[in-house]
Amino acid sequence: MARVMDYLQGRGVTFTVIPHPKAPTVAEAPPPYLPEGPVAKTIVIIANYGPALMVVPASRMLDLALAAEAVGDPAARLATERELERQFPEYELGALPPLSMMLLAPMYVDPMVAESDEIVFAAGRQDISIRMATSDLFGTDPVVVTPLTAESLAPSS
């Protein structure tokens, strides 16, 4: 977590640290002590060139077909726990922050996340989150905004 905060401070952005009970796994709904709208989770897929970060609303499921299309690799798959532990040993499973430049991995962001004014995300541990302006988080990082959940493809009413 200290590495995440140091990275964000080095970028000169404002953020709030939110300590909380250990978060549930990414497959479950976001915990009730965090706001529903802007909470995001980072999921890693393995594409032909290596790991890629997929950032989706915590209350939604990643559509693997959309993720594979986004990275241009029809054989893209979810990273295994072992791959995550090897590639990102400083971070707890299920608590990877959406920081592409720090993690040296390309990042794809669902429009439902990118269009939020603020975002809450795991800070490397399951009991600490960060809240900050979405524009500060993604800033000048090379992110690709693309539908990654079935809900993002549905026409808005």
N, C-alpha and C. Protein backbone atom coordinates (compact mmCIF):
# COMPACT_ATOMS: atom_id res chain seq x y z
N MET A 1 0.82 -1.19 0.00
CA MET A 1 0.00 0.00 0.00
C MET A 1 0.87 1.26 0.00
N ALA A 2 1.97 1.22 0.72
CA ALA A 2 2.85 2.39 0.78
C ALA A 2 3.36 2.74 -0.61
N ARG A 3 3.63 1.72 -1.41
CA ARG A 3 4.11 1.97 -2.77
C ARG A 3 3.06 2.70 -3.60
N VAL A 4 1.80 2.31 -3.44
CA VAL A 4 0.71 2.96 -4.18
C VAL A 4 0.61 4.42 -3.75
N MET A 5 0.63 4.68 -2.45
CA MET A 5 0.52 6.06 -1.97
C MET A 5 1.73 6.88 -2.40
N ASP A 6 2.92 6.31 -2.33
CA ASP A 6 4.11 7.03 -2.79
C ASP A 6 4.00 7.39 -4.27
N TYR A 7 3.51 6.45 -5.06
CA TYR A 7 3.34 6.68 -6.49
C TYR A 7 2.37 7.82 -6.74
N LEU A 8 1.22 7.79 -6.06
CA LEU A 8 0.21 8.84 -6.24
C LEU A 8 0.72 10.19 -5.75
N GLN A 9 1.41 10.21 -4.62
CA GLN A 9 1.98 11.47 -4.12
C GLN A 9 3.01 12.01 -5.10
N GLY A 10 3.80 11.13 -5.69
CA GLY A 10 4.79 11.55 -6.68
C GLY A 10 4.15 12.17 -7.91
N ARG A 11 2.92 11.76 -8.19
CA ARG A 11 2.21 12.36 -9.33
C ARG A 11 1.55 13.68 -8.95
N GLY A 12 1.55 14.00 -7.65
CA GLY A 12 0.99 15.28 -7.20
C GLY A 12 -0.53 15.32 -7.22
N VAL A 13 -1.17 14.17 -7.05
CA VAL A 13 -2.63 14.14 -7.06
C VAL A 13 -3.18 14.05 -5.63
N THR A 14 -4.40 14.49 -5.47
CA THR A 14 -5.06 14.44 -4.18
C THR A 14 -5.86 13.15 -4.08
N PHE A 15 -5.74 12.48 -2.94
CA PHE A 15 -6.50 11.24 -2.74
C PHE A 15 -6.79 11.06 -1.26
N THR A 16 -7.75 10.22 -0.97
CA THR A 16 -8.12 9.89 0.40
C THR A 16 -7.92 8.40 0.61
N VAL A 17 -7.30 8.05 1.72
CA VAL A 17 -7.11 6.65 2.09
C VAL A 17 -8.32 6.22 2.92
N ILE A 18 -8.90 5.08 2.56
CA ILE A 18 -10.07 4.56 3.26
C ILE A 18 -9.73 3.18 3.86
N PRO A 19 -9.43 3.15 5.16
CA PRO A 19 -9.23 1.84 5.79
C PRO A 19 -10.60 1.20 6.04
N HIS A 20 -10.69 -0.11 5.93
CA HIS A 20 -11.96 -0.81 6.11
C HIS A 20 -11.70 -2.28 6.40
N PRO A 21 -12.73 -3.02 6.81
CA PRO A 21 -12.53 -4.47 6.99
C PRO A 21 -12.10 -5.10 5.68
N LYS A 22 -11.47 -6.25 5.77
CA LYS A 22 -11.01 -6.95 4.58
C LYS A 22 -12.13 -7.07 3.57
N ALA A 23 -11.85 -6.70 2.33
CA ALA A 23 -12.86 -6.70 1.27
C ALA A 23 -13.17 -8.13 0.84
N PRO A 24 -14.38 -8.36 0.31
CA PRO A 24 -14.70 -9.68 -0.22
C PRO A 24 -13.94 -9.92 -1.53
N THR A 25 -14.03 -11.12 -2.03
CA THR A 25 -13.36 -11.43 -3.29
C THR A 25 -13.99 -10.62 -4.41
N VAL A 26 -13.28 -10.50 -5.54
CA VAL A 26 -13.78 -9.69 -6.65
C VAL A 26 -15.05 -10.26 -7.26
N ALA A 27 -15.31 -11.54 -7.02
CA ALA A 27 -16.51 -12.15 -7.60
C ALA A 27 -17.77 -11.74 -6.83
N GLU A 28 -17.59 -11.20 -5.62
CA GLU A 28 -18.74 -10.80 -4.81
C GLU A 28 -19.05 -9.33 -5.04
N ALA A 29 -20.20 -8.92 -4.50
CA ALA A 29 -20.60 -7.52 -4.61
C ALA A 29 -19.65 -6.65 -3.79
N PRO A 30 -19.55 -5.35 -4.11
CA PRO A 30 -18.68 -4.48 -3.33
C PRO A 30 -19.19 -4.40 -1.89
N PRO A 31 -18.29 -4.21 -0.94
CA PRO A 31 -18.70 -4.15 0.46
C PRO A 31 -19.61 -2.96 0.72
N PRO A 32 -20.52 -3.08 1.69
CA PRO A 32 -21.49 -2.02 1.94
C PRO A 32 -20.89 -0.74 2.49
N TYR A 33 -19.67 -0.76 3.01
CA TYR A 33 -19.07 0.44 3.59
C TYR A 33 -18.40 1.31 2.53
N LEU A 34 -18.39 0.88 1.28
CA LEU A 34 -17.87 1.70 0.19
C LEU A 34 -19.03 2.15 -0.69
N PRO A 35 -18.95 3.35 -1.28
CA PRO A 35 -20.03 3.81 -2.15
C PRO A 35 -20.15 2.91 -3.38
N GLU A 36 -21.37 2.64 -3.81
CA GLU A 36 -21.57 1.70 -4.93
C GLU A 36 -21.08 2.23 -6.26
N GLY A 37 -21.45 3.45 -6.61
CA GLY A 37 -21.17 3.94 -7.95
C GLY A 37 -19.72 3.90 -8.40
N PRO A 38 -18.82 4.59 -7.71
CA PRO A 38 -17.47 4.74 -8.27
C PRO A 38 -16.48 3.64 -7.89
N VAL A 39 -16.90 2.57 -7.20
CA VAL A 39 -15.94 1.53 -6.79
C VAL A 39 -15.56 0.70 -8.01
N ALA A 40 -14.26 0.57 -8.23
CA ALA A 40 -13.76 -0.18 -9.39
C ALA A 40 -12.86 -1.31 -8.92
N LYS A 41 -12.80 -2.35 -9.73
CA LYS A 41 -11.87 -3.45 -9.46
C LYS A 41 -10.99 -3.64 -10.68
N THR A 42 -9.79 -4.13 -10.42
CA THR A 42 -8.82 -4.39 -11.48
C THR A 42 -8.67 -5.90 -11.63
N ILE A 43 -8.90 -6.37 -12.84
CA ILE A 43 -8.79 -7.79 -13.16
C ILE A 43 -7.68 -7.93 -14.18
N VAL A 44 -6.86 -8.94 -14.03
CA VAL A 44 -5.74 -9.15 -14.94
C VAL A 44 -6.08 -10.28 -15.90
N ILE A 45 -5.87 -10.00 -17.18
CA ILE A 45 -5.97 -11.06 -18.17
C ILE A 45 -4.58 -11.26 -18.77
N ILE A 46 -4.38 -12.44 -19.31
CA ILE A 46 -3.11 -12.74 -19.99
C ILE A 46 -3.39 -12.80 -21.48
N ALA A 47 -2.74 -11.89 -22.19
CA ALA A 47 -2.87 -11.83 -23.65
C ALA A 47 -1.58 -12.35 -24.25
N ASN A 48 -1.52 -12.36 -25.56
CA ASN A 48 -0.33 -12.90 -26.24
C ASN A 48 0.95 -12.15 -25.88
N TYR A 49 0.86 -10.91 -25.43
CA TYR A 49 2.04 -10.11 -25.07
C TYR A 49 2.29 -10.08 -23.58
N GLY A 50 1.41 -10.69 -22.77
CA GLY A 50 1.58 -10.68 -21.32
C GLY A 50 0.35 -10.15 -20.61
N PRO A 51 0.50 -9.70 -19.36
CA PRO A 51 -0.64 -9.25 -18.58
C PRO A 51 -1.20 -7.91 -19.05
N ALA A 52 -2.51 -7.77 -18.91
CA ALA A 52 -3.20 -6.51 -19.20
C ALA A 52 -4.20 -6.28 -18.07
N LEU A 53 -4.36 -5.03 -17.67
CA LEU A 53 -5.27 -4.67 -16.59
C LEU A 53 -6.63 -4.29 -17.17
N MET A 54 -7.68 -4.87 -16.62
CA MET A 54 -9.05 -4.55 -17.00
C MET A 54 -9.71 -3.89 -15.80
N VAL A 55 -10.20 -2.67 -15.95
CA VAL A 55 -10.80 -1.94 -14.84
C VAL A 55 -12.29 -1.81 -15.10
N VAL A 56 -13.08 -2.41 -14.21
CA VAL A 56 -14.53 -2.44 -14.36
C VAL A 56 -15.19 -2.04 -13.05
N PRO A 57 -16.47 -1.65 -13.09
CA PRO A 57 -17.17 -1.38 -11.83
C PRO A 57 -17.16 -2.63 -10.96
N ALA A 58 -16.96 -2.45 -9.66
CA ALA A 58 -16.88 -3.60 -8.74
C ALA A 58 -18.16 -4.42 -8.72
N SER A 59 -19.27 -3.80 -9.05
CA SER A 59 -20.55 -4.50 -9.03
C SER A 59 -20.84 -5.24 -10.33
N ARG A 60 -19.93 -5.19 -11.29
CA ARG A 60 -20.14 -5.83 -12.60
C ARG A 60 -19.11 -6.92 -12.82
N MET A 61 -19.41 -7.81 -13.76
CA MET A 61 -18.49 -8.87 -14.11
C MET A 61 -17.80 -8.55 -15.44
N LEU A 62 -16.52 -8.84 -15.51
CA LEU A 62 -15.77 -8.67 -16.75
C LEU A 62 -16.32 -9.65 -17.79
N ASP A 63 -16.57 -9.15 -18.99
CA ASP A 63 -16.96 -10.00 -20.11
C ASP A 63 -15.66 -10.37 -20.82
N LEU A 64 -15.25 -11.63 -20.68
CA LEU A 64 -13.95 -12.05 -21.22
C LEU A 64 -13.87 -11.89 -22.74
N ALA A 65 -14.99 -12.08 -23.44
CA ALA A 65 -14.98 -11.89 -24.89
C ALA A 65 -14.68 -10.43 -25.25
N LEU A 66 -15.26 -9.50 -24.50
CA LEU A 66 -14.99 -8.08 -24.75
C LEU A 66 -13.54 -7.73 -24.41
N ALA A 67 -13.03 -8.33 -23.33
CA ALA A 67 -11.64 -8.09 -22.94
C ALA A 67 -10.69 -8.63 -24.02
N ALA A 68 -10.98 -9.82 -24.52
CA ALA A 68 -10.15 -10.42 -25.57
C ALA A 68 -10.17 -9.56 -26.83
N GLU A 69 -11.35 -9.04 -27.15
CA GLU A 69 -11.46 -8.14 -28.31
C GLU A 69 -10.65 -6.87 -28.09
N ALA A 70 -10.71 -6.33 -26.87
CA ALA A 70 -10.00 -5.09 -26.57
C ALA A 70 -8.49 -5.25 -26.74
N VAL A 71 -7.95 -6.39 -26.31
CA VAL A 71 -6.50 -6.60 -26.42
C VAL A 71 -6.09 -7.19 -27.76
N GLY A 72 -7.07 -7.53 -28.60
CA GLY A 72 -6.76 -8.08 -29.91
C GLY A 72 -6.22 -9.49 -29.88
N ASP A 73 -6.62 -10.26 -28.88
CA ASP A 73 -6.15 -11.64 -28.76
C ASP A 73 -7.32 -12.54 -28.39
N PRO A 74 -7.87 -13.28 -29.35
CA PRO A 74 -9.02 -14.13 -29.06
C PRO A 74 -8.73 -15.22 -28.03
N ALA A 75 -7.46 -15.51 -27.78
CA ALA A 75 -7.09 -16.54 -26.80
C ALA A 75 -6.80 -15.95 -25.42
N ALA A 76 -7.03 -14.64 -25.23
CA ALA A 76 -6.79 -14.01 -23.92
C ALA A 76 -7.62 -14.73 -22.86
N ARG A 77 -7.05 -14.82 -21.66
CA ARG A 77 -7.72 -15.52 -20.57
C ARG A 77 -7.44 -14.82 -19.25
N LEU A 78 -8.21 -15.17 -18.23
CA LEU A 78 -7.97 -14.62 -16.91
C LEU A 78 -6.63 -15.14 -16.38
N ALA A 79 -5.93 -14.29 -15.67
CA ALA A 79 -4.68 -14.71 -15.03
C ALA A 79 -5.01 -15.65 -13.88
N THR A 80 -4.15 -16.62 -13.65
CA THR A 80 -4.32 -17.52 -12.51
C THR A 80 -3.77 -16.84 -11.25
N GLU A 81 -4.14 -17.36 -10.09
CA GLU A 81 -3.61 -16.82 -8.84
C GLU A 81 -2.09 -16.91 -8.82
N ARG A 82 -1.56 -18.00 -9.30
CA ARG A 82 -0.10 -18.19 -9.32
C ARG A 82 0.56 -17.13 -10.21
N GLU A 83 -0.03 -16.86 -11.37
CA GLU A 83 0.53 -15.83 -12.26
C GLU A 83 0.47 -14.46 -11.60
N LEU A 84 -0.62 -14.17 -10.91
CA LEU A 84 -0.74 -12.88 -10.22
C LEU A 84 0.30 -12.75 -9.11
N GLU A 85 0.47 -13.81 -8.34
CA GLU A 85 1.46 -13.78 -7.26
C GLU A 85 2.88 -13.61 -7.82
N ARG A 86 3.16 -14.20 -8.95
CA ARG A 86 4.49 -14.10 -9.57
C ARG A 86 4.70 -12.72 -10.20
N GLN A 87 3.69 -12.24 -10.93
CA GLN A 87 3.81 -10.96 -11.65
C GLN A 87 3.72 -9.75 -10.72
N PHE A 88 2.87 -9.85 -9.69
CA PHE A 88 2.61 -8.71 -8.79
C PHE A 88 2.76 -9.15 -7.34
N PRO A 89 3.95 -9.57 -6.91
CA PRO A 89 4.13 -10.15 -5.58
C PRO A 89 3.88 -9.19 -4.42
N GLU A 90 3.93 -7.90 -4.65
CA GLU A 90 3.75 -6.92 -3.57
C GLU A 90 2.28 -6.62 -3.28
N TYR A 91 1.38 -7.23 -4.03
CA TYR A 91 -0.04 -6.91 -3.90
C TYR A 91 -0.84 -8.14 -3.52
N GLU A 92 -1.83 -7.93 -2.63
CA GLU A 92 -2.71 -9.03 -2.25
C GLU A 92 -3.62 -9.39 -3.42
N LEU A 93 -3.97 -10.67 -3.49
CA LEU A 93 -4.92 -11.11 -4.52
C LEU A 93 -6.23 -10.33 -4.35
N GLY A 94 -6.78 -9.87 -5.46
CA GLY A 94 -8.03 -9.11 -5.42
C GLY A 94 -7.88 -7.67 -5.02
N ALA A 95 -6.64 -7.18 -4.89
CA ALA A 95 -6.45 -5.80 -4.44
C ALA A 95 -5.47 -5.03 -5.33
N LEU A 96 -5.36 -5.43 -6.57
CA LEU A 96 -4.45 -4.76 -7.49
C LEU A 96 -5.00 -3.39 -7.87
N PRO A 97 -4.21 -2.33 -7.73
CA PRO A 97 -4.70 -0.99 -8.08
C PRO A 97 -4.68 -0.77 -9.59
N PRO A 98 -5.54 0.10 -10.09
CA PRO A 98 -5.56 0.39 -11.54
C PRO A 98 -4.51 1.44 -11.91
N LEU A 99 -3.26 1.04 -11.83
CA LEU A 99 -2.15 1.96 -12.08
C LEU A 99 -1.22 1.35 -13.13
N SER A 100 -1.54 1.57 -14.38
CA SER A 100 -0.82 0.93 -15.47
C SER A 100 0.66 1.30 -15.52
N MET A 101 0.98 2.54 -15.31
CA MET A 101 2.38 2.97 -15.40
C MET A 101 3.20 2.39 -14.25
N MET A 102 2.63 2.29 -13.08
CA MET A 102 3.34 1.73 -11.95
C MET A 102 3.52 0.21 -12.10
N LEU A 103 2.49 -0.45 -12.64
CA LEU A 103 2.53 -1.90 -12.77
C LEU A 103 3.12 -2.35 -14.10
N LEU A 104 3.41 -1.40 -14.96
CA LEU A 104 4.01 -1.68 -16.28
C LEU A 104 3.19 -2.68 -17.08
N ALA A 105 1.89 -2.41 -17.16
CA ALA A 105 0.98 -3.25 -17.92
C ALA A 105 -0.04 -2.35 -18.61
N PRO A 106 -0.44 -2.67 -19.83
CA PRO A 106 -1.46 -1.86 -20.48
C PRO A 106 -2.77 -1.95 -19.72
N MET A 107 -3.55 -0.88 -19.77
CA MET A 107 -4.79 -0.83 -19.00
C MET A 107 -5.97 -0.47 -19.90
N TYR A 108 -7.05 -1.21 -19.71
CA TYR A 108 -8.30 -1.01 -20.44
C TYR A 108 -9.36 -0.70 -19.41
N VAL A 109 -10.12 0.38 -19.65
CA VAL A 109 -11.07 0.87 -18.66
C VAL A 109 -12.48 0.87 -19.24
N ASP A 110 -13.41 0.28 -18.51
CA ASP A 110 -14.80 0.27 -18.93
C ASP A 110 -15.35 1.71 -18.88
N PRO A 111 -16.19 2.11 -19.84
CA PRO A 111 -16.74 3.47 -19.84
C PRO A 111 -17.49 3.82 -18.56
N MET A 112 -18.12 2.84 -17.91
CA MET A 112 -18.84 3.12 -16.68
C MET A 112 -17.90 3.62 -15.59
N VAL A 113 -16.65 3.21 -15.64
CA VAL A 113 -15.64 3.68 -14.69
C VAL A 113 -15.06 5.01 -15.17
N ALA A 114 -14.68 5.06 -16.43
CA ALA A 114 -14.03 6.26 -16.98
C ALA A 114 -14.91 7.50 -16.89
N GLU A 115 -16.22 7.33 -16.96
CA GLU A 115 -17.13 8.47 -16.96
C GLU A 115 -17.51 8.95 -15.56
N SER A 116 -17.09 8.24 -14.52
CA SER A 116 -17.37 8.66 -13.14
C SER A 116 -16.49 9.84 -12.78
N ASP A 117 -17.01 10.74 -11.96
CA ASP A 117 -16.21 11.88 -11.51
C ASP A 117 -15.11 11.45 -10.55
N GLU A 118 -15.44 10.47 -9.70
CA GLU A 118 -14.44 9.96 -8.78
C GLU A 118 -14.45 8.45 -8.79
N ILE A 119 -13.39 7.88 -8.20
CA ILE A 119 -13.23 6.44 -8.22
C ILE A 119 -12.68 5.99 -6.87
N VAL A 120 -13.11 4.81 -6.45
CA VAL A 120 -12.57 4.16 -5.26
C VAL A 120 -12.00 2.83 -5.74
N PHE A 121 -10.77 2.52 -5.31
CA PHE A 121 -10.13 1.29 -5.76
C PHE A 121 -9.21 0.75 -4.68
N ALA A 122 -8.90 -0.53 -4.78
CA ALA A 122 -8.01 -1.19 -3.83
C ALA A 122 -6.60 -0.61 -3.96
N ALA A 123 -5.94 -0.49 -2.80
CA ALA A 123 -4.61 0.12 -2.78
C ALA A 123 -3.51 -0.92 -2.57
N GLY A 124 -3.75 -2.14 -3.03
CA GLY A 124 -2.74 -3.18 -2.91
C GLY A 124 -2.99 -4.15 -1.79
N ARG A 125 -3.87 -3.77 -0.87
CA ARG A 125 -4.30 -4.64 0.23
C ARG A 125 -5.82 -4.68 0.25
N GLN A 126 -6.38 -5.75 0.76
CA GLN A 126 -7.83 -5.89 0.76
C GLN A 126 -8.51 -5.08 1.86
N ASP A 127 -7.74 -4.43 2.71
CA ASP A 127 -8.35 -3.65 3.79
C ASP A 127 -8.08 -2.14 3.66
N ILE A 128 -7.57 -1.72 2.52
CA ILE A 128 -7.29 -0.30 2.26
C ILE A 128 -7.74 0.05 0.85
N SER A 129 -8.49 1.13 0.74
CA SER A 129 -8.90 1.63 -0.58
C SER A 129 -8.48 3.09 -0.70
N ILE A 130 -8.50 3.56 -1.92
CA ILE A 130 -8.17 4.97 -2.24
C ILE A 130 -9.37 5.56 -2.96
N ARG A 131 -9.71 6.80 -2.60
CA ARG A 131 -10.74 7.56 -3.32
C ARG A 131 -10.04 8.77 -3.92
N MET A 132 -10.31 9.01 -5.20
CA MET A 132 -9.72 10.18 -5.86
C MET A 132 -10.51 10.52 -7.12
N ALA A 133 -10.20 11.66 -7.71
CA ALA A 133 -10.84 12.05 -8.96
C ALA A 133 -10.39 11.10 -10.06
N THR A 134 -11.34 10.64 -10.85
CA THR A 134 -11.02 9.72 -11.95
C THR A 134 -10.04 10.36 -12.93
N SER A 135 -10.23 11.64 -13.19
CA SER A 135 -9.33 12.33 -14.12
C SER A 135 -7.90 12.37 -13.59
N ASP A 136 -7.73 12.46 -12.28
CA ASP A 136 -6.39 12.43 -11.69
C ASP A 136 -5.79 11.03 -11.77
N LEU A 137 -6.62 10.02 -11.61
CA LEU A 137 -6.11 8.65 -11.65
C LEU A 137 -5.60 8.30 -13.04
N PHE A 138 -6.43 8.54 -14.05
CA PHE A 138 -6.05 8.14 -15.40
C PHE A 138 -5.19 9.20 -16.08
N GLY A 139 -5.40 10.47 -15.70
CA GLY A 139 -4.57 11.57 -16.18
C GLY A 139 -4.00 11.39 -17.56
N THR A 140 -2.69 11.33 -17.63
CA THR A 140 -2.01 11.20 -18.92
C THR A 140 -1.55 9.76 -19.18
N ASP A 141 -1.98 8.83 -18.32
CA ASP A 141 -1.61 7.43 -18.54
C ASP A 141 -2.23 6.94 -19.84
N PRO A 142 -1.54 6.05 -20.54
CA PRO A 142 -2.08 5.50 -21.79
C PRO A 142 -3.13 4.42 -21.51
N VAL A 143 -4.36 4.83 -21.32
CA VAL A 143 -5.44 3.88 -21.08
C VAL A 143 -6.36 3.83 -22.29
N VAL A 144 -6.99 2.68 -22.48
CA VAL A 144 -7.95 2.51 -23.56
C VAL A 144 -9.32 2.36 -22.91
N VAL A 145 -10.24 3.26 -23.24
CA VAL A 145 -11.60 3.18 -22.74
C VAL A 145 -12.41 2.37 -23.74
N THR A 146 -12.95 1.25 -23.28
CA THR A 146 -13.68 0.33 -24.15
C THR A 146 -14.65 -0.50 -23.31
N PRO A 147 -15.78 -0.89 -23.87
CA PRO A 147 -16.72 -1.71 -23.09
C PRO A 147 -16.07 -3.03 -22.66
N LEU A 148 -16.17 -3.31 -21.36
CA LEU A 148 -15.62 -4.54 -20.79
C LEU A 148 -16.65 -5.35 -20.02
N THR A 149 -17.88 -4.81 -19.93
CA THR A 149 -18.97 -5.52 -19.26
C THR A 149 -20.18 -5.53 -20.18
N ALA A 150 -21.03 -6.52 -20.00
CA ALA A 150 -22.24 -6.61 -20.83
C ALA A 150 -23.09 -5.36 -20.66
N GLU A 151 -23.13 -4.82 -19.46
CA GLU A 151 -23.95 -3.62 -19.19
C GLU A 151 -23.47 -2.41 -19.98
N SER A 152 -22.19 -2.35 -20.28
CA SER A 152 -21.66 -1.22 -21.05
C SER A 152 -22.10 -1.26 -22.50
N LEU A 153 -22.49 -2.43 -22.97
CA LEU A 153 -22.97 -2.56 -24.36
C LEU A 153 -24.45 -2.25 -24.49
N ALA A 154 -25.17 -2.35 -23.36
CA ALA A 154 -26.63 -2.12 -23.40
C ALA A 154 -26.90 -0.65 -23.72
N PRO A 155 -27.90 -0.40 -24.57
CA PRO A 155 -28.24 1.00 -24.87
C PRO A 155 -28.75 1.69 -23.62
N SER A 156 -28.31 2.93 -23.40
CA SER A 156 -28.79 3.67 -22.23
C SER A 156 -30.19 4.20 -22.49
N SER A 157 -30.97 4.24 -21.42
CA SER A 157 -32.36 4.70 -21.59
C SER A 157 -32.55 6.09 -21.08
